[in-house]
Amino acid sequence: MTLADTADTADAAPPADSAGPRRTGTGPARPPVARAFAAIVWRDLFVAGKDLWFLLAQVLMTPLFMLFIFTRVLTMQGIVGVGFADILLPGTVALATFTTSLQSVAVPLVKEFGFTREIEDRLLSPLPTALVAVGKLVVATLRGLLAAVLVYPVGALVVGTAPGRWSSVPLALLIVLLAGWVGAALGMTLATVLPLQRIQATFSLFITPIIWTGCVHYPWQRLAEMPWFQVATAINPMTYAAEGLRAALAPHVTHLPVWVCLLVLGAVATVATVAALRTFTRRAIR
């Protein structure tokens, strides 16, 4: 082989590092998206665990007082029937799930987008902005699930009955997760759309009709004699969470069909998630 042939062969040979991946820069490689997402979610859960006692007080206070007054005090006075507990307990679990998830994402976002600007630390993580928002929705939904798990047994002790069967647990968990996700998505949308100075007042205006038009205290089908109010409650996603939990925990009580509750909650969860991710991304970029 001549020198010319050797030179031609050397020119044709590929570079030594072409077969392997190239690393640009001298810094460490970025962690995988899944690992970064899990780390952010775990951090939020760890911080939430430090405020567990405050969460317990926040979650249990209103539902337990509501159950005690309606099923003990008013029942003792003959104002409310004895079987009212089977109507109210599933509705109270739905209420605790929905409001806990909503507040768990909305209240921190108000602070993080406000004076502290803590949200900027999260936006610098190796994650797309939408995944940062999804992480917050996941944590808020899990807190809503915890609220349901706490309220149901303690509420059953208050009212003296625990409607439901073990076979209904999967359906109840599915409805609770959907209700929690809907509450979290709506809370994120409110917190990222409204001006900071109006958020607190708007929360009160938003949560109050959610509670009283959400079929927490009454079955939807028994509103037939008030069609205008029945239509108003049909607009409220809380209605389908409460009715779905009645179908799972107290099927002997009048309730909407389970498939209707799952269909509406799934549709609202999809629409609310898209809206929440868009408004979060727009607010983060601004």
Protein backbone atom coordinates (compact mmCIF):
# COMPACT_ATOMS: atom_id res chain seq x y z
CA MET A 1 0.00 0.00 0.00
CA THR A 2 1.45 3.37 -1.01
CA LEU A 3 1.47 6.56 1.02
CA ALA A 4 -1.26 7.94 -1.21
CA ASP A 5 -3.52 4.98 -0.54
CA THR A 6 -2.93 5.32 3.17
CA ALA A 7 -3.84 9.01 3.09
CA ASP A 8 -7.02 8.27 1.12
CA THR A 9 -8.03 5.60 3.61
CA ALA A 10 -7.44 7.98 6.51
CA ASP A 11 -9.54 10.66 4.87
CA ALA A 12 -12.42 8.24 4.27
CA ALA A 13 -12.45 6.84 7.81
CA PRO A 14 -15.09 8.37 10.10
CA PRO A 15 -14.01 10.27 13.21
CA ALA A 16 -13.36 8.14 16.26
CA ASP A 17 -16.24 9.65 18.24
CA SER A 18 -18.86 9.61 15.47
CA ALA A 19 -20.29 6.25 16.54
CA GLY A 20 -21.14 7.43 20.02
CA PRO A 21 -23.27 10.31 21.31
CA ARG A 22 -21.63 13.69 21.58
CA ARG A 23 -21.92 15.81 24.68
CA THR A 24 -21.93 19.52 24.19
CA GLY A 25 -20.30 21.67 26.80
CA THR A 26 -18.41 20.64 29.91
CA GLY A 27 -21.31 20.72 32.42
CA PRO A 28 -23.17 17.71 33.80
CA ALA A 29 -25.84 16.07 31.69
CA ARG A 30 -29.44 17.18 32.27
CA PRO A 31 -31.46 14.71 34.33
CA PRO A 32 -34.25 12.84 32.56
CA VAL A 33 -37.58 14.60 32.49
CA ALA A 34 -39.29 11.81 34.44
CA ARG A 35 -36.71 11.98 37.22
CA ALA A 36 -36.95 15.78 37.47
CA PHE A 37 -40.76 15.60 37.51
CA ALA A 38 -40.73 12.96 40.27
CA ALA A 39 -38.29 15.07 42.29
CA ILE A 40 -40.52 18.15 42.13
CA VAL A 41 -43.63 16.16 43.07
CA TRP A 42 -41.78 14.48 45.95
CA ARG A 43 -40.53 17.86 47.21
CA ASP A 44 -44.07 19.26 47.23
CA LEU A 45 -45.38 16.19 49.05
CA PHE A 46 -42.58 16.46 51.60
CA VAL A 47 -43.35 20.13 52.25
CA ALA A 48 -47.05 19.30 52.53
CA GLY A 49 -46.21 16.63 55.11
CA LYS A 50 -44.70 19.28 57.36
CA ASP A 51 -48.08 21.06 57.45
CA LEU A 52 -50.03 17.85 58.05
CA TRP A 53 -51.68 19.02 61.28
CA PHE A 54 -52.81 22.26 59.67
CA LEU A 55 -54.14 20.26 56.72
CA LEU A 56 -56.05 17.96 59.05
CA ALA A 57 -57.66 20.91 60.79
CA GLN A 58 -58.48 22.59 57.49
CA VAL A 59 -59.95 19.44 55.98
CA LEU A 60 -61.91 18.10 58.94
CA MET A 61 -63.29 21.22 60.59
CA THR A 62 -66.12 22.24 58.25
CA PRO A 63 -67.26 18.75 57.14
CA LEU A 64 -67.39 17.35 60.65
CA PHE A 65 -69.32 20.30 62.04
CA MET A 66 -71.70 20.05 59.09
CA LEU A 67 -72.24 16.34 59.71
CA PHE A 68 -72.72 16.85 63.45
CA ILE A 69 -75.27 19.64 63.08
CA PHE A 70 -77.33 18.02 60.32
CA THR A 71 -77.25 14.40 61.46
CA ARG A 72 -77.11 14.79 65.23
CA VAL A 73 -78.57 18.10 66.34
CA LEU A 74 -81.30 18.46 63.71
CA THR A 75 -82.13 14.75 63.81
CA MET A 76 -82.54 14.87 67.58
CA GLN A 77 -84.98 17.76 67.14
CA GLY A 78 -86.93 15.87 64.50
CA ILE A 79 -86.16 18.40 61.78
CA VAL A 80 -84.11 15.99 59.69
CA GLY A 81 -84.87 12.31 59.09
CA VAL A 82 -82.67 9.54 60.44
CA GLY A 83 -81.61 8.35 56.97
CA PHE A 84 -80.26 11.77 56.02
CA ALA A 85 -76.75 10.64 56.98
CA ASP A 86 -76.61 8.35 53.94
CA ILE A 87 -77.28 11.38 51.74
CA LEU A 88 -74.98 13.82 53.49
CA LEU A 89 -71.88 11.72 54.18
CA PRO A 90 -71.01 10.99 50.51
CA GLY A 91 -71.71 14.61 49.63
CA THR A 92 -69.45 15.79 52.44
CA VAL A 93 -66.62 13.54 51.23
CA ALA A 94 -66.99 15.01 47.74
CA LEU A 95 -66.99 18.53 49.18
CA ALA A 96 -63.83 17.91 51.20
CA THR A 97 -62.07 16.41 48.18
CA PHE A 98 -63.03 19.20 45.78
CA THR A 99 -62.32 22.18 48.04
CA THR A 100 -59.07 20.74 49.42
CA SER A 101 -57.68 20.16 45.94
CA LEU A 102 -58.78 23.60 44.78
CA GLN A 103 -57.23 25.42 47.72
CA SER A 104 -54.08 23.26 47.71
CA VAL A 105 -53.10 24.54 44.28
CA ALA A 106 -54.68 27.99 44.26
CA VAL A 107 -53.39 29.39 47.55
CA PRO A 108 -49.70 28.49 46.96
CA LEU A 109 -49.85 29.80 43.39
CA VAL A 110 -51.05 33.16 44.63
CA LYS A 111 -47.92 33.43 46.77
CA GLU A 112 -45.53 31.98 44.19
CA PHE A 113 -46.68 34.32 41.42
CA GLY A 114 -46.90 37.19 43.86
CA PHE A 115 -44.36 38.72 46.19
CA THR A 116 -42.09 35.69 46.78
CA ARG A 117 -41.73 34.76 43.06
CA GLU A 118 -40.92 31.23 44.17
CA ILE A 119 -42.38 29.97 40.92
CA GLU A 120 -39.22 31.13 39.12
CA ASP A 121 -37.18 28.42 40.87
CA ARG A 122 -39.51 25.76 39.53
CA LEU A 123 -39.52 27.22 36.04
CA LEU A 124 -35.70 26.92 35.98
CA SER A 125 -35.94 23.16 36.49
CA PRO A 126 -35.24 20.92 33.46
CA LEU A 127 -38.93 20.52 32.75
CA PRO A 128 -41.37 22.00 30.25
CA THR A 129 -43.54 24.67 31.81
CA ALA A 130 -46.65 22.55 31.32
CA LEU A 131 -45.14 19.70 33.34
CA VAL A 132 -44.44 22.07 36.22
CA ALA A 133 -48.16 22.82 36.24
CA VAL A 134 -49.05 19.12 35.98
CA GLY A 135 -46.88 18.43 39.02
CA LYS A 136 -48.89 20.91 41.04
CA LEU A 137 -52.13 19.33 39.87
CA VAL A 138 -50.90 15.88 40.90
CA VAL A 139 -49.95 17.04 44.40
CA ALA A 140 -53.25 18.87 44.89
CA THR A 141 -55.21 15.81 43.72
CA LEU A 142 -53.34 13.60 46.18
CA ARG A 143 -54.17 16.02 48.97
CA GLY A 144 -57.81 15.84 47.93
CA LEU A 145 -57.60 12.06 48.07
CA LEU A 146 -56.12 12.29 51.57
CA ALA A 147 -59.01 14.55 52.58
CA ALA A 148 -61.53 11.97 51.39
CA VAL A 149 -59.72 9.15 53.19
CA LEU A 150 -59.77 11.16 56.42
CA VAL A 151 -63.29 12.56 56.24
CA TYR A 152 -65.10 9.33 55.47
CA PRO A 153 -64.15 7.25 58.56
CA VAL A 154 -64.27 10.18 60.97
CA GLY A 155 -67.57 11.32 59.49
CA ALA A 156 -68.93 7.80 59.83
CA LEU A 157 -68.10 7.92 63.53
CA VAL A 158 -69.95 11.23 63.85
CA VAL A 159 -73.11 10.10 62.08
CA GLY A 160 -73.02 6.59 63.50
CA THR A 161 -73.14 4.76 60.16
CA ALA A 162 -70.69 3.91 57.39
CA PRO A 163 -72.56 3.30 54.12
CA GLY A 164 -70.75 1.39 51.43
CA ARG A 165 -69.20 -1.99 50.68
CA TRP A 166 -65.63 -3.06 49.95
CA SER A 167 -66.66 -3.79 46.38
CA SER A 168 -67.54 -0.12 45.91
CA VAL A 169 -64.07 1.14 46.91
CA PRO A 170 -62.59 1.20 43.35
CA LEU A 171 -65.50 3.25 42.00
CA ALA A 172 -65.37 5.61 44.97
CA LEU A 173 -61.60 6.12 44.52
CA LEU A 174 -62.05 6.83 40.81
CA ILE A 175 -64.69 9.46 41.49
CA VAL A 176 -62.59 11.01 44.26
CA LEU A 177 -59.56 11.26 41.97
CA LEU A 178 -61.62 12.84 39.19
CA ALA A 179 -63.24 15.30 41.61
CA GLY A 180 -59.85 16.19 43.09
CA TRP A 181 -58.32 16.75 39.66
CA VAL A 182 -61.24 18.94 38.58
CA GLY A 183 -60.93 21.02 41.75
CA ALA A 184 -57.17 21.40 41.29
CA ALA A 185 -57.50 22.40 37.62
CA LEU A 186 -60.18 24.98 38.39
CA GLY A 187 -58.11 26.34 41.27
CA MET A 188 -55.06 26.73 39.02
CA THR A 189 -57.14 28.47 36.36
CA LEU A 190 -58.53 30.96 38.87
CA ALA A 191 -55.14 31.63 40.43
CA THR A 192 -53.47 32.30 37.09
CA VAL A 193 -56.23 34.33 35.45
CA LEU A 194 -57.41 36.69 38.17
CA PRO A 195 -55.45 39.71 39.39
CA LEU A 196 -53.65 38.99 42.64
CA GLN A 197 -55.53 41.65 44.57
CA ARG A 198 -58.91 40.11 43.68
CA ILE A 199 -58.18 36.43 44.19
CA GLN A 200 -59.21 36.15 47.84
CA ALA A 201 -62.57 37.81 47.27
CA THR A 202 -63.17 35.78 44.13
CA PHE A 203 -62.48 32.53 45.97
CA SER A 204 -65.30 33.28 48.37
CA LEU A 205 -67.65 34.14 45.52
CA PHE A 206 -66.67 30.96 43.69
CA ILE A 207 -66.61 28.40 46.52
CA THR A 208 -69.89 29.44 48.17
CA PRO A 209 -72.14 28.57 45.19
CA ILE A 210 -70.03 25.47 44.56
CA ILE A 211 -70.93 24.22 48.04
CA TRP A 212 -74.63 25.03 48.05
CA THR A 213 -75.46 24.12 44.45
CA GLY A 214 -73.34 20.97 44.39
CA CYS A 215 -75.93 18.48 45.69
CA VAL A 216 -73.93 17.98 48.86
CA HIS A 217 -77.05 18.07 51.04
CA TYR A 218 -79.67 16.69 48.65
CA PRO A 219 -79.99 14.30 45.69
CA TRP A 220 -80.22 15.92 42.28
CA GLN A 221 -83.30 14.02 41.11
CA ARG A 222 -85.38 15.26 44.04
CA LEU A 223 -85.12 18.80 42.68
CA ALA A 224 -87.67 18.05 39.95
CA GLU A 225 -90.17 20.44 41.55
CA MET A 226 -87.62 23.28 41.23
CA PRO A 227 -86.47 22.93 37.60
CA TRP A 228 -84.57 26.24 37.55
CA PHE A 229 -82.50 25.16 40.56
CA GLN A 230 -82.05 21.69 39.11
CA VAL A 231 -80.55 23.27 36.00
CA ALA A 232 -78.26 25.42 38.16
CA THR A 233 -76.99 22.38 40.04
CA ALA A 234 -76.43 20.49 36.78
CA ILE A 235 -73.88 23.13 35.77
CA ASN A 236 -71.86 22.54 38.95
CA PRO A 237 -69.22 19.76 38.60
CA MET A 238 -69.49 19.14 42.35
CA THR A 239 -72.96 17.70 41.68
CA TYR A 240 -71.52 14.77 39.76
CA ALA A 241 -68.88 14.09 42.39
CA ALA A 242 -71.49 14.00 45.17
CA GLU A 243 -73.94 11.94 43.11
CA GLY A 244 -71.22 9.56 42.01
CA LEU A 245 -70.11 8.94 45.57
CA ARG A 246 -73.72 8.31 46.57
CA ALA A 247 -73.94 5.73 43.81
CA ALA A 248 -70.79 4.07 45.12
CA LEU A 249 -71.30 4.33 48.88
CA ALA A 250 -75.10 4.49 49.27
CA PRO A 251 -76.69 3.00 46.15
CA HIS A 252 -80.07 2.73 47.90
CA VAL A 253 -80.29 6.54 47.89
CA THR A 254 -81.65 8.28 44.81
CA HIS A 255 -78.73 9.30 42.59
CA LEU A 256 -77.69 9.98 39.03
CA PRO A 257 -76.44 7.07 36.90
CA VAL A 258 -72.77 6.33 37.48
CA TRP A 259 -71.89 6.60 33.79
CA VAL A 260 -73.30 10.13 33.67
CA CYS A 261 -71.19 11.18 36.65
CA LEU A 262 -68.01 9.65 35.20
CA LEU A 263 -68.65 11.10 31.75
CA VAL A 264 -69.25 14.64 33.02
CA LEU A 265 -66.34 14.56 35.48
CA GLY A 266 -64.01 13.23 32.78
CA ALA A 267 -65.10 15.90 30.30
CA VAL A 268 -64.80 18.71 32.85
CA ALA A 269 -61.39 17.39 33.94
CA THR A 270 -60.15 17.46 30.33
CA VAL A 271 -61.42 20.96 29.59
CA ALA A 272 -60.28 22.36 32.95
CA THR A 273 -56.81 20.82 32.53
CA VAL A 274 -56.32 22.36 29.10
CA ALA A 275 -57.44 25.75 30.44
CA ALA A 276 -55.21 25.45 33.52
CA LEU A 277 -52.09 24.55 31.53
CA ARG A 278 -52.65 27.41 29.09
CA THR A 279 -53.25 30.04 31.73
CA PHE A 280 -50.34 28.78 33.85
CA THR A 281 -47.96 28.88 30.90
CA ARG A 282 -49.14 32.34 29.87
CA ARG A 283 -48.74 33.66 33.43
CA ALA A 284 -45.31 32.04 33.84
CA ILE A 285 -43.97 33.52 30.60
CA ARG A 286 -45.35 36.95 31.45
